[in-house]
Amino acid sequence: MLCIWWSVHSIERRELLAEGPTVTADVYFKRLRDLKANLENARPQQHKVYFCHGSLRPHIARTVNAELMKFRCTILPNPPYSSNLAYSDYHLFPHLQHHLFGQKLQIRDDFEEALEHFFKKRSPAFWSRGTYDLPKRWRKTSDAFGACLE
């Protein structure tokens, strides 16, 4: 499983998890603390952080949101049951899927290399476009009474 945190600027953190283990709230909290430290080092002048989850289960989301409040993040709501509105699902993963199509990835190292190649090719405009398109997609959906039109 690919765990990824990205912003309007770039990838902030990514990790290819080993098969099998479940990501518990404690494991996720550790990654959030690491992410916070990375952001503070990379952009110390930036004081406001907006955070949008992909698809957390509701019982985990509550505890994760409580942890994020300690970091002084603004948590953006995600429309329920709308995977095509989730940040990575509509922007990042289709491009990644297209990049990986037809490649024969036999071992984990092959996949890591393919990911590295993909991410190095992404321009800053790629990340900002995905970020700034999100409110437009949400608005279209709410204007259509919850039915996604794209």
C-alpha atoms as a PDB file:
ATOM      1  CA  MET A   1       0.000   0.000   0.000  1.00  0.00           C
ATOM      2  CA  LEU A   2       1.249   3.452  -0.878  1.00  0.00           C
ATOM      3  CA  CYS A   3       0.822   6.035   1.874  1.00  0.00           C
ATOM      4  CA  ILE A   4       1.334   9.509   0.519  1.00  0.00           C
ATOM      5  CA  TRP A   5       1.001  13.043   1.793  1.00  0.00           C
ATOM      6  CA  TRP A   6       1.209  15.775  -0.805  1.00  0.00           C
ATOM      7  CA  SER A   7       0.646  19.473  -0.938  1.00  0.00           C
ATOM      8  CA  VAL A   8       0.268  22.298  -3.382  1.00  0.00           C
ATOM      9  CA  HIS A   9       4.082  22.284  -3.631  1.00  0.00           C
ATOM     10  CA  SER A  10       5.150  18.654  -3.910  1.00  0.00           C
ATOM     11  CA  ILE A  11       5.140  15.307  -2.183  1.00  0.00           C
ATOM     12  CA  GLU A  12       5.696  15.919   1.498  1.00  0.00           C
ATOM     13  CA  ARG A  13       6.111  12.288   2.486  1.00  0.00           C
ATOM     14  CA  ARG A  14       5.548   8.911   0.897  1.00  0.00           C
ATOM     15  CA  GLU A  15       5.992   5.366   2.040  1.00  0.00           C
ATOM     16  CA  LEU A  16       5.407   2.034   0.388  1.00  0.00           C
ATOM     17  CA  LEU A  17       4.138  -0.196   3.174  1.00  0.00           C
ATOM     18  CA  ALA A  18       4.947  -3.866   3.426  1.00  0.00           C
ATOM     19  CA  GLU A  19       2.144  -6.281   2.652  1.00  0.00           C
ATOM     20  CA  GLY A  20       0.098  -7.524   5.532  1.00  0.00           C
ATOM     21  CA  PRO A  21       0.210  -5.198   8.518  1.00  0.00           C
ATOM     22  CA  THR A  22      -2.723  -2.909   9.142  1.00  0.00           C
ATOM     23  CA  VAL A  23      -2.110   0.788   9.675  1.00  0.00           C
ATOM     24  CA  THR A  24      -3.375   1.415  13.195  1.00  0.00           C
ATOM     25  CA  ALA A  25      -4.114   4.819  14.674  1.00  0.00           C
ATOM     26  CA  ASP A  26      -0.810   4.699  16.600  1.00  0.00           C
ATOM     27  CA  VAL A  27       1.177   3.980  13.433  1.00  0.00           C
ATOM     28  CA  TYR A  28      -0.684   6.747  11.620  1.00  0.00           C
ATOM     29  CA  PHE A  29      -0.011   9.199  14.491  1.00  0.00           C
ATOM     30  CA  LYS A  30       3.721   8.511  14.242  1.00  0.00           C
ATOM     31  CA  ARG A  31       3.637   9.245  10.521  1.00  0.00           C
ATOM     32  CA  LEU A  32       1.692  12.444  11.181  1.00  0.00           C
ATOM     33  CA  ARG A  33       4.277  13.573  13.734  1.00  0.00           C
ATOM     34  CA  ASP A  34       7.063  12.832  11.221  1.00  0.00           C
ATOM     35  CA  LEU A  35       5.153  14.753   8.558  1.00  0.00           C
ATOM     36  CA  LYS A  36       4.715  17.721  10.890  1.00  0.00           C
ATOM     37  CA  ALA A  37       8.464  17.757  11.613  1.00  0.00           C
ATOM     38  CA  ASN A  38       9.220  17.585   7.871  1.00  0.00           C
ATOM     39  CA  LEU A  39       6.889  20.512   7.168  1.00  0.00           C
ATOM     40  CA  GLU A  40       8.344  22.619   9.980  1.00  0.00           C
ATOM     41  CA  ASN A  41      11.857  22.035   8.614  1.00  0.00           C
ATOM     42  CA  ALA A  42      10.932  22.573   4.962  1.00  0.00           C
ATOM     43  CA  ARG A  43       8.726  25.642   5.438  1.00  0.00           C
ATOM     44  CA  PRO A  44       9.252  27.176   8.890  1.00  0.00           C
ATOM     45  CA  GLN A  45       7.587  30.442   7.844  1.00  0.00           C
ATOM     46  CA  GLN A  46       4.331  28.691   6.924  1.00  0.00           C
ATOM     47  CA  HIS A  47       2.029  28.663   9.913  1.00  0.00           C
ATOM     48  CA  LYS A  48      -1.248  27.475   8.395  1.00  0.00           C
ATOM     49  CA  VAL A  49      -1.683  23.856   7.315  1.00  0.00           C
ATOM     50  CA  TYR A  50      -4.847  22.467   5.749  1.00  0.00           C
ATOM     51  CA  PHE A  51      -5.274  18.721   5.940  1.00  0.00           C
ATOM     52  CA  CYS A  52      -7.579  16.571   3.837  1.00  0.00           C
ATOM     53  CA  HIS A  53      -7.781  12.842   4.505  1.00  0.00           C
ATOM     54  CA  GLY A  54      -8.201  10.324   1.757  1.00  0.00           C
ATOM     55  CA  SER A  55     -10.405   7.561   3.066  1.00  0.00           C
ATOM     56  CA  LEU A  56     -10.096   6.930   6.779  1.00  0.00           C
ATOM     57  CA  ARG A  57     -12.579   4.712   8.532  1.00  0.00           C
ATOM     58  CA  PRO A  58     -14.882   6.871  10.685  1.00  0.00           C
ATOM     59  CA  HIS A  59     -13.803   5.399  14.046  1.00  0.00           C
ATOM     60  CA  ILE A  60     -10.138   6.103  13.225  1.00  0.00           C
ATOM     61  CA  ALA A  61     -10.855   9.480  11.648  1.00  0.00           C
ATOM     62  CA  ARG A  62     -12.173  10.871  14.946  1.00  0.00           C
ATOM     63  CA  THR A  63      -8.974  10.037  16.836  1.00  0.00           C
ATOM     64  CA  VAL A  64      -6.773  11.186  13.951  1.00  0.00           C
ATOM     65  CA  ASN A  65      -8.653  14.489  13.735  1.00  0.00           C
ATOM     66  CA  ALA A  66      -8.159  14.975  17.475  1.00  0.00           C
ATOM     67  CA  GLU A  67      -4.417  14.423  17.002  1.00  0.00           C
ATOM     68  CA  LEU A  68      -4.333  16.848  14.068  1.00  0.00           C
ATOM     69  CA  MET A  69      -6.008  19.512  16.200  1.00  0.00           C
ATOM     70  CA  LYS A  70      -2.899  19.379  18.423  1.00  0.00           C
ATOM     71  CA  PHE A  71      -0.868  20.317  15.335  1.00  0.00           C
ATOM     72  CA  ARG A  72      -3.112  23.345  14.726  1.00  0.00           C
ATOM     73  CA  CYS A  73      -4.207  22.056  11.323  1.00  0.00           C
ATOM     74  CA  THR A  74      -7.405  23.034   9.602  1.00  0.00           C
ATOM     75  CA  ILE A  75      -9.099  19.778   8.670  1.00  0.00           C
ATOM     76  CA  LEU A  76     -11.009  19.903   5.420  1.00  0.00           C
ATOM     77  CA  PRO A  77     -14.108  17.716   5.283  1.00  0.00           C
ATOM     78  CA  ASN A  78     -14.321  14.952   2.738  1.00  0.00           C
ATOM     79  CA  PRO A  79     -17.724  14.204   1.239  1.00  0.00           C
ATOM     80  CA  PRO A  80     -18.755  10.707   2.397  1.00  0.00           C
ATOM     81  CA  TYR A  81     -18.942   7.923  -0.171  1.00  0.00           C
ATOM     82  CA  SER A  82     -17.430  10.053  -2.913  1.00  0.00           C
ATOM     83  CA  SER A  83     -14.143   8.372  -3.766  1.00  0.00           C
ATOM     84  CA  ASN A  84     -13.856  10.340  -6.985  1.00  0.00           C
ATOM     85  CA  LEU A  85     -13.639  13.472  -4.854  1.00  0.00           C
ATOM     86  CA  ALA A  86     -10.875  12.181  -2.611  1.00  0.00           C
ATOM     87  CA  TYR A  87      -7.728  14.182  -3.168  1.00  0.00           C
ATOM     88  CA  SER A  88      -5.453  11.391  -4.429  1.00  0.00           C
ATOM     89  CA  ASP A  89      -8.148   9.261  -6.053  1.00  0.00           C
ATOM     90  CA  TYR A  90      -9.178  11.821  -8.641  1.00  0.00           C
ATOM     91  CA  HIS A  91      -5.815  13.466  -9.362  1.00  0.00           C
ATOM     92  CA  LEU A  92      -2.752  11.458  -8.374  1.00  0.00           C
ATOM     93  CA  PHE A  93      -3.764   7.825  -8.798  1.00  0.00           C
ATOM     94  CA  PRO A  94      -5.122   8.025 -12.370  1.00  0.00           C
ATOM     95  CA  HIS A  95      -1.813   9.569 -13.503  1.00  0.00           C
ATOM     96  CA  LEU A  96       0.167   6.975 -11.551  1.00  0.00           C
ATOM     97  CA  GLN A  97      -1.940   4.157 -12.989  1.00  0.00           C
ATOM     98  CA  HIS A  98      -1.305   5.461 -16.511  1.00  0.00           C
ATOM     99  CA  HIS A  99       2.441   5.636 -15.791  1.00  0.00           C
ATOM    100  CA  LEU A 100       2.545   2.056 -14.466  1.00  0.00           C
ATOM    101  CA  PHE A 101       0.343   0.560 -17.192  1.00  0.00           C
ATOM    102  CA  GLY A 102       2.078  -2.297 -18.987  1.00  0.00           C
ATOM    103  CA  GLN A 103       5.172  -2.311 -16.776  1.00  0.00           C
ATOM    104  CA  LYS A 104       6.318  -5.669 -15.449  1.00  0.00           C
ATOM    105  CA  LEU A 105       7.094  -5.010 -11.810  1.00  0.00           C
ATOM    106  CA  GLN A 106       8.332  -8.282 -10.371  1.00  0.00           C
ATOM    107  CA  ILE A 107       9.689  -7.205  -7.004  1.00  0.00           C
ATOM    108  CA  ARG A 108       9.190  -4.388  -4.543  1.00  0.00           C
ATOM    109  CA  ASP A 109      12.379  -2.632  -5.714  1.00  0.00           C
ATOM    110  CA  ASP A 110      10.956  -2.453  -9.249  1.00  0.00           C
ATOM    111  CA  PHE A 111       7.857  -0.743  -7.908  1.00  0.00           C
ATOM    112  CA  GLU A 112       9.918   1.669  -5.779  1.00  0.00           C
ATOM    113  CA  GLU A 113      11.981   2.577  -8.856  1.00  0.00           C
ATOM    114  CA  ALA A 114       8.857   3.121 -10.967  1.00  0.00           C
ATOM    115  CA  LEU A 115       7.382   5.339  -8.238  1.00  0.00           C
ATOM    116  CA  GLU A 116      10.589   7.347  -7.974  1.00  0.00           C
ATOM    117  CA  HIS A 117      10.620   7.885 -11.746  1.00  0.00           C
ATOM    118  CA  PHE A 118       6.961   8.941 -11.750  1.00  0.00           C
ATOM    119  CA  PHE A 119       7.336  11.424  -8.898  1.00  0.00           C
ATOM    120  CA  LYS A 120      10.508  12.991 -10.316  1.00  0.00           C
ATOM    121  CA  LYS A 121       8.638  13.739 -13.556  1.00  0.00           C
ATOM    122  CA  ARG A 122       5.842  15.678 -11.808  1.00  0.00           C
ATOM    123  CA  SER A 123       6.155  19.444 -12.004  1.00  0.00           C
ATOM    124  CA  PRO A 124       5.044  21.829  -9.249  1.00  0.00           C
ATOM    125  CA  ALA A 125       2.076  22.699 -11.487  1.00  0.00           C
ATOM    126  CA  PHE A 126       0.890  19.079 -11.270  1.00  0.00           C
ATOM    127  CA  TRP A 127       0.574  19.313  -7.478  1.00  0.00           C
ATOM    128  CA  SER A 128      -0.982  22.765  -7.403  1.00  0.00           C
ATOM    129  CA  ARG A 129      -3.533  21.867 -10.100  1.00  0.00           C
ATOM    130  CA  GLY A 130      -4.679  18.851  -8.075  1.00  0.00           C
ATOM    131  CA  THR A 131      -4.986  20.953  -4.951  1.00  0.00           C
ATOM    132  CA  TYR A 132      -6.852  23.850  -6.515  1.00  0.00           C
ATOM    133  CA  ASP A 133      -9.220  21.603  -8.480  1.00  0.00           C
ATOM    134  CA  LEU A 134     -10.569  19.986  -5.318  1.00  0.00           C
ATOM    135  CA  PRO A 135     -12.956  22.810  -4.267  1.00  0.00           C
ATOM    136  CA  LYS A 136     -14.281  23.023  -7.836  1.00  0.00           C
ATOM    137  CA  ARG A 137     -15.068  19.303  -7.808  1.00  0.00           C
ATOM    138  CA  TRP A 138     -16.769  19.574  -4.420  1.00  0.00           C
ATOM    139  CA  ARG A 139     -18.823  22.535  -5.630  1.00  0.00           C
ATOM    140  CA  LYS A 140     -19.932  20.702  -8.785  1.00  0.00           C
ATOM    141  CA  THR A 141     -21.018  17.751  -6.707  1.00  0.00           C
ATOM    142  CA  SER A 142     -22.938  19.793  -4.160  1.00  0.00           C
ATOM    143  CA  ASP A 143     -24.579  21.797  -6.962  1.00  0.00           C
ATOM    144  CA  ALA A 144     -25.736  18.512  -8.495  1.00  0.00           C
ATOM    145  CA  PHE A 145     -27.245  17.391  -5.151  1.00  0.00           C
ATOM    146  CA  GLY A 146     -24.446  14.937  -4.442  1.00  0.00           C
ATOM    147  CA  ALA A 147     -24.179  13.242  -7.832  1.00  0.00           C
ATOM    148  CA  CYS A 148     -20.685  13.550  -9.268  1.00  0.00           C
ATOM    149  CA  LEU A 149     -20.793  14.642 -12.887  1.00  0.00           C
ATOM    150  CA  GLU A 150     -17.249  13.797 -13.979  1.00  0.00           C
END
